[in-house]
Amino acid sequence: MGGSAGRTYVSLIDSGVKFRGWEGNVLDEAGFFSLLKEAGVNYVRIRVWNNPYADAEKKQGYGAGNCDVEKAARMGKWATDAGLKAMIDFHYSDFWADPGRQVKPKAWKDYTAEQKATAVGIFTREILNTIIAAGTDVGMVQVGNETTTAVCGETDWA
C-alpha cells in the first residue's frame, strides 16, 4: 500500500488525505478497500515494521509508512471485510529495509545473530497472531524485505 512517498494507507488518512470513489464521493476508512475489490484487486500488501517511531510515546514516525502491528491489523481487517486477502511484509527493521539498508531494530541492537533469530521467530508469531485475531485473512507472508544483502543487519548468511 505504499505510494511514491512510501506512505501507507493509514498514515495517509491519519494525515488528512481523503480518498474518493468512482462517483467522487469521499470514502470512509474501510471504503477504500471495497473500491480496490471493485477494481479487481484480490490481495493487499501490508508492511510491518518493528517500532517505526522516533518517539514511540507520541507515535511520531520517521516519515514514511509508520506501520506498526496496530495499523497493520486495522488495514488487514478492512481488507478482509472487503473480500481481499492480505500479504504481510515483515521488514524486521524500524524503518525501510532494502538491499542497501537492512538495519536491525532498536530493540535488538545489542543482540547476537542467535538472539536475533529467536527474536524474529517470536516477533513474527506474535504479530501474525495479533493481525489474524483482528479478523485479517492472511494469505501470504513475506519474511524480510529485499533481503539479498542482509537481514536485521546480519550479512553473514551462515
N, C-alpha and C. Protein backbone atom coordinates (compact mmCIF):
# COMPACT_ATOMS: atom_id res chain seq x y z
N MET A 1 0.82 -1.18 0.00
CA MET A 1 0.00 0.00 0.00
C MET A 1 0.87 1.25 0.00
N GLY A 2 2.07 1.15 -0.46
CA GLY A 2 2.94 2.31 -0.50
C GLY A 2 2.72 3.14 -1.74
N GLY A 3 3.02 4.39 -1.66
CA GLY A 3 2.95 5.27 -2.82
C GLY A 3 4.33 5.80 -3.12
N SER A 4 4.39 6.82 -3.96
CA SER A 4 5.69 7.35 -4.34
C SER A 4 6.44 7.91 -3.14
N ALA A 5 5.72 8.33 -2.12
CA ALA A 5 6.38 8.85 -0.93
C ALA A 5 6.59 7.74 0.10
N GLY A 6 6.20 6.51 -0.23
CA GLY A 6 6.41 5.40 0.67
C GLY A 6 5.48 5.40 1.87
N ARG A 7 4.40 6.07 1.78
CA ARG A 7 3.47 6.11 2.91
C ARG A 7 2.46 4.97 2.80
N THR A 8 1.98 4.53 3.93
CA THR A 8 0.94 3.52 3.92
C THR A 8 -0.42 4.20 4.05
N TYR A 9 -1.45 3.45 3.72
CA TYR A 9 -2.80 3.97 3.71
C TYR A 9 -3.17 4.64 5.03
N VAL A 10 -2.92 3.98 6.16
CA VAL A 10 -3.31 4.55 7.45
C VAL A 10 -2.55 5.84 7.73
N SER A 11 -1.26 5.89 7.41
CA SER A 11 -0.53 7.13 7.67
C SER A 11 -1.05 8.27 6.79
N LEU A 12 -1.51 7.94 5.60
CA LEU A 12 -2.10 8.96 4.73
C LEU A 12 -3.42 9.49 5.30
N ILE A 13 -4.31 8.58 5.70
CA ILE A 13 -5.59 9.06 6.23
C ILE A 13 -5.41 9.76 7.56
N ASP A 14 -4.43 9.30 8.36
CA ASP A 14 -4.16 9.97 9.63
C ASP A 14 -3.65 11.39 9.41
N SER A 15 -3.04 11.64 8.25
CA SER A 15 -2.54 12.99 7.97
C SER A 15 -3.58 13.85 7.25
N GLY A 16 -4.79 13.30 7.04
CA GLY A 16 -5.87 14.09 6.47
C GLY A 16 -6.20 13.84 5.02
N VAL A 17 -5.50 12.92 4.37
CA VAL A 17 -5.79 12.61 2.97
C VAL A 17 -7.18 11.99 2.86
N LYS A 18 -7.92 12.38 1.85
CA LYS A 18 -9.25 11.82 1.58
C LYS A 18 -9.19 11.05 0.27
N PHE A 19 -9.74 9.85 0.29
CA PHE A 19 -9.84 9.04 -0.93
C PHE A 19 -11.27 9.10 -1.43
N ARG A 20 -11.44 9.11 -2.73
CA ARG A 20 -12.76 9.24 -3.34
C ARG A 20 -13.09 8.02 -4.18
N GLY A 21 -14.37 7.70 -4.22
CA GLY A 21 -14.86 6.58 -5.01
C GLY A 21 -15.08 6.96 -6.46
N TRP A 22 -15.68 6.04 -7.22
CA TRP A 22 -15.90 6.22 -8.65
C TRP A 22 -16.71 7.47 -8.96
N GLU A 23 -17.64 7.82 -8.09
CA GLU A 23 -18.52 8.97 -8.31
C GLU A 23 -17.99 10.25 -7.68
N GLY A 24 -16.79 10.18 -7.11
CA GLY A 24 -16.19 11.36 -6.49
C GLY A 24 -16.53 11.53 -5.03
N ASN A 25 -17.28 10.58 -4.46
CA ASN A 25 -17.66 10.69 -3.06
C ASN A 25 -16.47 10.29 -2.16
N VAL A 26 -16.35 10.97 -1.02
CA VAL A 26 -15.30 10.66 -0.06
C VAL A 26 -15.61 9.31 0.58
N LEU A 27 -14.62 8.44 0.58
CA LEU A 27 -14.77 7.10 1.16
C LEU A 27 -14.44 7.12 2.64
N ASP A 28 -15.12 6.27 3.40
CA ASP A 28 -14.70 6.11 4.78
C ASP A 28 -13.43 5.26 4.79
N GLU A 29 -12.84 5.06 5.95
CA GLU A 29 -11.56 4.36 6.02
C GLU A 29 -11.60 3.00 5.35
N ALA A 30 -12.64 2.23 5.60
CA ALA A 30 -12.73 0.89 5.03
C ALA A 30 -13.18 0.91 3.57
N GLY A 31 -13.83 1.98 3.16
CA GLY A 31 -14.36 2.05 1.80
C GLY A 31 -13.32 1.95 0.71
N PHE A 32 -12.11 2.38 0.99
CA PHE A 32 -11.03 2.30 0.02
C PHE A 32 -10.77 0.85 -0.41
N PHE A 33 -10.87 -0.07 0.54
CA PHE A 33 -10.62 -1.48 0.24
C PHE A 33 -11.74 -2.08 -0.60
N SER A 34 -12.96 -1.62 -0.37
CA SER A 34 -14.07 -2.05 -1.22
C SER A 34 -13.87 -1.54 -2.64
N LEU A 35 -13.36 -0.33 -2.77
CA LEU A 35 -13.06 0.22 -4.09
C LEU A 35 -11.99 -0.63 -4.79
N LEU A 36 -10.97 -1.03 -4.06
CA LEU A 36 -9.94 -1.90 -4.64
C LEU A 36 -10.56 -3.21 -5.12
N LYS A 37 -11.42 -3.79 -4.31
CA LYS A 37 -12.08 -5.06 -4.68
C LYS A 37 -12.91 -4.87 -5.95
N GLU A 38 -13.67 -3.78 -6.02
CA GLU A 38 -14.47 -3.50 -7.21
C GLU A 38 -13.59 -3.34 -8.45
N ALA A 39 -12.38 -2.86 -8.26
CA ALA A 39 -11.45 -2.65 -9.38
C ALA A 39 -10.72 -3.94 -9.78
N GLY A 40 -10.98 -5.03 -9.08
CA GLY A 40 -10.38 -6.31 -9.45
C GLY A 40 -9.17 -6.73 -8.63
N VAL A 41 -8.82 -5.96 -7.61
CA VAL A 41 -7.70 -6.32 -6.74
C VAL A 41 -8.14 -7.48 -5.86
N ASN A 42 -7.23 -8.44 -5.61
CA ASN A 42 -7.59 -9.56 -4.74
C ASN A 42 -6.69 -9.67 -3.51
N TYR A 43 -5.55 -8.98 -3.51
CA TYR A 43 -4.61 -9.01 -2.39
C TYR A 43 -4.12 -7.60 -2.10
N VAL A 44 -3.82 -7.33 -0.83
CA VAL A 44 -3.11 -6.11 -0.46
C VAL A 44 -1.84 -6.52 0.28
N ARG A 45 -0.80 -5.74 0.08
CA ARG A 45 0.47 -5.95 0.77
C ARG A 45 0.52 -4.98 1.93
N ILE A 46 0.70 -5.52 3.12
CA ILE A 46 0.75 -4.70 4.32
C ILE A 46 2.13 -4.85 4.95
N ARG A 47 2.88 -3.76 4.94
CA ARG A 47 4.22 -3.77 5.53
C ARG A 47 4.11 -3.60 7.04
N VAL A 48 5.01 -4.27 7.76
CA VAL A 48 5.06 -4.14 9.20
C VAL A 48 6.51 -3.89 9.62
N TRP A 49 6.69 -2.81 10.37
CA TRP A 49 8.00 -2.52 10.96
C TRP A 49 7.94 -2.83 12.44
N ASN A 50 9.10 -3.06 13.04
CA ASN A 50 9.14 -3.40 14.46
C ASN A 50 8.65 -2.25 15.33
N ASN A 51 9.36 -1.14 15.31
CA ASN A 51 8.99 0.04 16.08
C ASN A 51 9.29 1.25 15.20
N PRO A 52 8.35 1.62 14.33
CA PRO A 52 8.63 2.65 13.33
C PRO A 52 8.51 4.09 13.82
N TYR A 53 8.81 4.30 15.10
CA TYR A 53 8.64 5.64 15.66
C TYR A 53 9.92 6.17 16.27
N ALA A 54 10.28 7.39 15.89
CA ALA A 54 11.39 8.08 16.53
C ALA A 54 11.01 8.40 17.97
N ASP A 55 9.72 8.71 18.18
CA ASP A 55 9.17 8.95 19.51
C ASP A 55 7.95 8.06 19.65
N ALA A 56 8.14 6.90 20.26
CA ALA A 56 7.07 5.90 20.35
C ALA A 56 5.90 6.39 21.19
N GLU A 57 6.17 7.17 22.22
CA GLU A 57 5.10 7.66 23.09
C GLU A 57 4.13 8.55 22.33
N LYS A 58 4.67 9.42 21.49
CA LYS A 58 3.84 10.34 20.71
C LYS A 58 3.44 9.75 19.36
N LYS A 59 3.90 8.53 19.07
CA LYS A 59 3.65 7.88 17.77
C LYS A 59 4.16 8.76 16.63
N GLN A 60 5.30 9.43 16.87
CA GLN A 60 5.94 10.27 15.86
C GLN A 60 6.87 9.39 15.05
N GLY A 61 6.50 9.17 13.79
CA GLY A 61 7.26 8.27 12.94
C GLY A 61 8.45 8.90 12.28
N TYR A 62 9.17 8.08 11.56
CA TYR A 62 10.37 8.52 10.85
C TYR A 62 10.05 9.26 9.56
N GLY A 63 8.80 9.24 9.12
CA GLY A 63 8.43 9.99 7.94
C GLY A 63 8.00 9.16 6.75
N ALA A 64 7.81 7.89 6.96
CA ALA A 64 7.30 7.04 5.87
C ALA A 64 6.61 5.82 6.48
N GLY A 65 5.49 5.46 5.95
CA GLY A 65 4.82 4.25 6.36
C GLY A 65 4.35 4.22 7.78
N ASN A 66 5.28 4.13 8.70
CA ASN A 66 4.98 4.09 10.12
C ASN A 66 3.96 3.01 10.46
N CYS A 67 4.07 1.86 9.84
CA CYS A 67 3.07 0.81 10.04
C CYS A 67 3.52 -0.17 11.11
N ASP A 68 2.90 -0.05 12.28
CA ASP A 68 3.14 -0.97 13.37
C ASP A 68 2.04 -2.04 13.34
N VAL A 69 2.03 -2.92 14.33
CA VAL A 69 1.07 -4.02 14.33
C VAL A 69 -0.37 -3.51 14.40
N GLU A 70 -0.61 -2.44 15.16
CA GLU A 70 -1.97 -1.92 15.29
C GLU A 70 -2.50 -1.44 13.95
N LYS A 71 -1.69 -0.69 13.22
CA LYS A 71 -2.11 -0.19 11.91
C LYS A 71 -2.26 -1.34 10.92
N ALA A 72 -1.35 -2.30 10.98
CA ALA A 72 -1.44 -3.45 10.09
C ALA A 72 -2.73 -4.23 10.34
N ALA A 73 -3.09 -4.40 11.61
CA ALA A 73 -4.31 -5.12 11.95
C ALA A 73 -5.55 -4.37 11.45
N ARG A 74 -5.55 -3.04 11.59
CA ARG A 74 -6.68 -2.24 11.08
C ARG A 74 -6.83 -2.42 9.58
N MET A 75 -5.73 -2.27 8.85
CA MET A 75 -5.80 -2.41 7.39
C MET A 75 -6.18 -3.82 6.98
N GLY A 76 -5.64 -4.80 7.68
CA GLY A 76 -5.97 -6.19 7.36
C GLY A 76 -7.44 -6.50 7.55
N LYS A 77 -8.02 -5.98 8.61
CA LYS A 77 -9.46 -6.18 8.87
C LYS A 77 -10.30 -5.50 7.79
N TRP A 78 -9.95 -4.27 7.43
CA TRP A 78 -10.69 -3.57 6.38
C TRP A 78 -10.59 -4.34 5.06
N ALA A 79 -9.41 -4.83 4.74
CA ALA A 79 -9.21 -5.58 3.50
C ALA A 79 -10.04 -6.86 3.51
N THR A 80 -10.00 -7.59 4.62
CA THR A 80 -10.76 -8.83 4.73
C THR A 80 -12.26 -8.57 4.63
N ASP A 81 -12.72 -7.54 5.30
CA ASP A 81 -14.15 -7.20 5.24
C ASP A 81 -14.59 -6.87 3.82
N ALA A 82 -13.66 -6.39 3.01
CA ALA A 82 -13.98 -6.06 1.61
C ALA A 82 -13.83 -7.27 0.69
N GLY A 83 -13.39 -8.40 1.24
CA GLY A 83 -13.23 -9.61 0.43
C GLY A 83 -11.84 -9.80 -0.15
N LEU A 84 -10.86 -9.10 0.39
CA LEU A 84 -9.48 -9.22 -0.07
C LEU A 84 -8.67 -10.06 0.90
N LYS A 85 -7.57 -10.62 0.41
CA LYS A 85 -6.60 -11.29 1.27
C LYS A 85 -5.44 -10.34 1.52
N ALA A 86 -4.68 -10.63 2.56
CA ALA A 86 -3.53 -9.79 2.91
C ALA A 86 -2.24 -10.58 2.81
N MET A 87 -1.22 -9.91 2.30
CA MET A 87 0.15 -10.42 2.34
C MET A 87 0.89 -9.53 3.33
N ILE A 88 1.38 -10.12 4.41
CA ILE A 88 2.07 -9.37 5.44
C ILE A 88 3.56 -9.38 5.13
N ASP A 89 4.14 -8.19 5.00
CA ASP A 89 5.54 -8.00 4.64
C ASP A 89 6.31 -7.52 5.87
N PHE A 90 7.04 -8.44 6.49
CA PHE A 90 7.85 -8.11 7.66
C PHE A 90 9.17 -7.51 7.22
N HIS A 91 9.44 -6.28 7.64
CA HIS A 91 10.72 -5.64 7.32
C HIS A 91 11.80 -6.03 8.32
N TYR A 92 11.43 -6.46 9.52
CA TYR A 92 12.37 -6.77 10.59
C TYR A 92 13.35 -5.61 10.79
N SER A 93 12.78 -4.43 10.85
CA SER A 93 13.53 -3.19 11.00
C SER A 93 12.55 -2.15 11.54
N ASP A 94 13.08 -1.03 11.98
CA ASP A 94 12.22 0.07 12.44
C ASP A 94 11.87 1.01 11.31
N PHE A 95 12.56 0.86 10.18
CA PHE A 95 12.36 1.72 9.03
C PHE A 95 12.53 0.85 7.79
N TRP A 96 12.54 1.45 6.64
CA TRP A 96 12.62 0.72 5.39
C TRP A 96 13.80 -0.24 5.37
N ALA A 97 13.54 -1.44 4.87
CA ALA A 97 14.59 -2.42 4.63
C ALA A 97 14.64 -2.69 3.13
N ASP A 98 15.82 -2.59 2.56
CA ASP A 98 16.03 -2.84 1.14
C ASP A 98 17.46 -3.35 0.96
N PRO A 99 17.89 -3.69 -0.24
CA PRO A 99 19.24 -4.27 -0.39
C PRO A 99 20.36 -3.41 0.18
N GLY A 100 20.20 -2.12 0.19
CA GLY A 100 21.24 -1.24 0.71
C GLY A 100 21.05 -0.84 2.16
N ARG A 101 19.96 -1.31 2.77
CA ARG A 101 19.65 -0.86 4.14
C ARG A 101 18.88 -1.97 4.86
N GLN A 102 19.58 -2.72 5.67
CA GLN A 102 18.98 -3.77 6.50
C GLN A 102 19.41 -3.52 7.94
N VAL A 103 18.85 -2.48 8.53
CA VAL A 103 19.24 -2.05 9.87
C VAL A 103 18.46 -2.83 10.91
N LYS A 104 19.19 -3.34 11.91
CA LYS A 104 18.50 -4.08 12.97
C LYS A 104 17.63 -3.13 13.79
N PRO A 105 16.51 -3.62 14.29
CA PRO A 105 15.63 -2.79 15.11
C PRO A 105 16.33 -2.30 16.38
N LYS A 106 15.91 -1.15 16.87
CA LYS A 106 16.49 -0.59 18.10
C LYS A 106 16.46 -1.60 19.25
N ALA A 107 15.36 -2.30 19.39
CA ALA A 107 15.21 -3.24 20.49
C ALA A 107 16.18 -4.42 20.40
N TRP A 108 16.69 -4.68 19.20
CA TRP A 108 17.60 -5.82 19.00
C TRP A 108 19.04 -5.38 18.74
N LYS A 109 19.36 -4.13 18.99
CA LYS A 109 20.66 -3.57 18.58
C LYS A 109 21.86 -4.29 19.20
N ASP A 110 21.71 -4.81 20.40
CA ASP A 110 22.83 -5.49 21.06
C ASP A 110 22.72 -7.01 20.98
N TYR A 111 21.78 -7.52 20.20
CA TYR A 111 21.58 -8.96 20.10
C TYR A 111 22.65 -9.61 19.23
N THR A 112 23.00 -10.83 19.57
CA THR A 112 23.83 -11.66 18.70
C THR A 112 22.95 -12.17 17.56
N ALA A 113 23.55 -12.79 16.57
CA ALA A 113 22.77 -13.37 15.47
C ALA A 113 21.77 -14.40 15.99
N GLU A 114 22.19 -15.22 16.95
CA GLU A 114 21.29 -16.23 17.52
C GLU A 114 20.12 -15.59 18.25
N GLN A 115 20.40 -14.54 19.01
CA GLN A 115 19.34 -13.83 19.72
C GLN A 115 18.37 -13.18 18.74
N LYS A 116 18.90 -12.62 17.65
CA LYS A 116 18.02 -12.01 16.63
C LYS A 116 17.16 -13.08 15.98
N ALA A 117 17.73 -14.25 15.71
CA ALA A 117 16.95 -15.34 15.10
C ALA A 117 15.78 -15.71 16.00
N THR A 118 16.03 -15.81 17.28
CA THR A 118 14.94 -16.11 18.23
C THR A 118 13.92 -14.97 18.25
N ALA A 119 14.41 -13.74 18.28
CA ALA A 119 13.51 -12.57 18.30
C ALA A 119 12.66 -12.50 17.04
N VAL A 120 13.23 -12.81 15.89
CA VAL A 120 12.46 -12.82 14.64
C VAL A 120 11.32 -13.82 14.72
N GLY A 121 11.59 -15.01 15.24
CA GLY A 121 10.55 -16.02 15.37
C GLY A 121 9.42 -15.58 16.29
N ILE A 122 9.80 -15.05 17.45
CA ILE A 122 8.80 -14.58 18.41
C ILE A 122 7.99 -13.43 17.83
N PHE A 123 8.69 -12.44 17.26
CA PHE A 123 8.04 -11.27 16.68
C PHE A 123 7.06 -11.68 15.58
N THR A 124 7.50 -12.56 14.70
CA THR A 124 6.66 -13.00 13.57
C THR A 124 5.39 -13.67 14.08
N ARG A 125 5.53 -14.60 15.02
CA ARG A 125 4.36 -15.30 15.56
C ARG A 125 3.41 -14.33 16.26
N GLU A 126 3.95 -13.46 17.11
CA GLU A 126 3.10 -12.53 17.86
C GLU A 126 2.36 -11.58 16.93
N ILE A 127 3.05 -11.03 15.94
CA ILE A 127 2.42 -10.08 15.03
C ILE A 127 1.36 -10.79 14.20
N LEU A 128 1.69 -11.96 13.65
CA LEU A 128 0.70 -12.69 12.85
C LEU A 128 -0.51 -13.06 13.68
N ASN A 129 -0.29 -13.53 14.90
CA ASN A 129 -1.43 -13.88 15.76
C ASN A 129 -2.31 -12.66 16.04
N THR A 130 -1.70 -11.51 16.27
CA THR A 130 -2.46 -10.28 16.52
C THR A 130 -3.25 -9.87 15.30
N ILE A 131 -2.62 -9.90 14.14
CA ILE A 131 -3.29 -9.49 12.90
C ILE A 131 -4.43 -10.45 12.55
N ILE A 132 -4.20 -11.73 12.72
CA ILE A 132 -5.24 -12.73 12.44
C ILE A 132 -6.39 -12.59 13.45
N ALA A 133 -6.05 -12.39 14.72
CA ALA A 133 -7.09 -12.23 15.75
C ALA A 133 -7.96 -11.00 15.50
N ALA A 134 -7.41 -10.00 14.81
CA ALA A 134 -8.17 -8.79 14.48
C ALA A 134 -9.15 -9.04 13.33
N GLY A 135 -9.06 -10.22 12.71
CA GLY A 135 -10.00 -10.57 11.65
C GLY A 135 -9.42 -10.51 10.25
N THR A 136 -8.10 -10.55 10.13
CA THR A 136 -7.46 -10.48 8.83
C THR A 136 -7.31 -11.86 8.21
N ASP A 137 -7.64 -11.96 6.93
CA ASP A 137 -7.42 -13.18 6.16
C ASP A 137 -6.01 -13.10 5.56
N VAL A 138 -5.04 -13.66 6.28
CA VAL A 138 -3.65 -13.63 5.83
C VAL A 138 -3.44 -14.80 4.87
N GLY A 139 -3.17 -14.47 3.61
CA GLY A 139 -2.95 -15.49 2.60
C GLY A 139 -1.49 -15.78 2.34
N MET A 140 -0.63 -14.79 2.60
CA MET A 140 0.81 -14.94 2.38
C MET A 140 1.57 -14.10 3.39
N VAL A 141 2.84 -14.50 3.60
CA VAL A 141 3.73 -13.76 4.46
C VAL A 141 5.05 -13.59 3.71
N GLN A 142 5.58 -12.38 3.75
CA GLN A 142 6.90 -12.10 3.18
C GLN A 142 7.86 -11.97 4.36
N VAL A 143 8.81 -12.88 4.45
CA VAL A 143 9.76 -12.91 5.56
C VAL A 143 10.96 -12.06 5.20
N GLY A 144 11.01 -10.87 5.74
CA GLY A 144 12.05 -9.91 5.39
C GLY A 144 11.65 -9.18 4.13
N ASN A 145 12.32 -8.08 3.86
CA ASN A 145 12.03 -7.28 2.68
C ASN A 145 13.32 -7.00 1.93
N GLU A 146 13.38 -7.47 0.70
CA GLU A 146 14.54 -7.25 -0.16
C GLU A 146 15.83 -7.65 0.55
N THR A 147 15.92 -8.92 0.88
CA THR A 147 16.99 -9.44 1.74
C THR A 147 18.18 -10.02 0.97
N THR A 148 18.49 -9.49 -0.20
CA THR A 148 19.60 -10.03 -0.98
C THR A 148 20.96 -9.80 -0.34
N THR A 149 21.08 -8.80 0.51
CA THR A 149 22.38 -8.48 1.11
C THR A 149 22.45 -8.75 2.61
N ALA A 150 21.31 -8.74 3.29
CA ALA A 150 21.34 -8.88 4.75
C ALA A 150 19.92 -9.04 5.27
N VAL A 151 19.83 -9.37 6.56
CA VAL A 151 18.58 -9.36 7.30
C VAL A 151 18.92 -8.86 8.71
N CYS A 152 18.21 -7.88 9.19
CA CYS A 152 18.41 -7.35 10.55
C CYS A 152 19.87 -6.94 10.79
N GLY A 153 20.55 -6.49 9.75
CA GLY A 153 21.94 -6.09 9.91
C GLY A 153 22.94 -7.23 9.81
N GLU A 154 22.47 -8.45 9.67
CA GLU A 154 23.36 -9.61 9.54
C GLU A 154 23.68 -9.87 8.09
N THR A 155 24.97 -9.89 7.76
CA THR A 155 25.40 -10.14 6.38
C THR A 155 26.05 -11.50 6.21
N ASP A 156 26.35 -12.16 7.30
CA ASP A 156 26.96 -13.49 7.24
C ASP A 156 25.85 -14.53 7.21
N TRP A 157 25.53 -15.03 6.03
CA TRP A 157 24.39 -15.93 5.87
C TRP A 157 24.58 -17.23 6.65
N ALA A 158 25.79 -17.62 6.92
CA ALA A 158 26.00 -18.85 7.72
C ALA A 158 25.49 -18.64 9.13
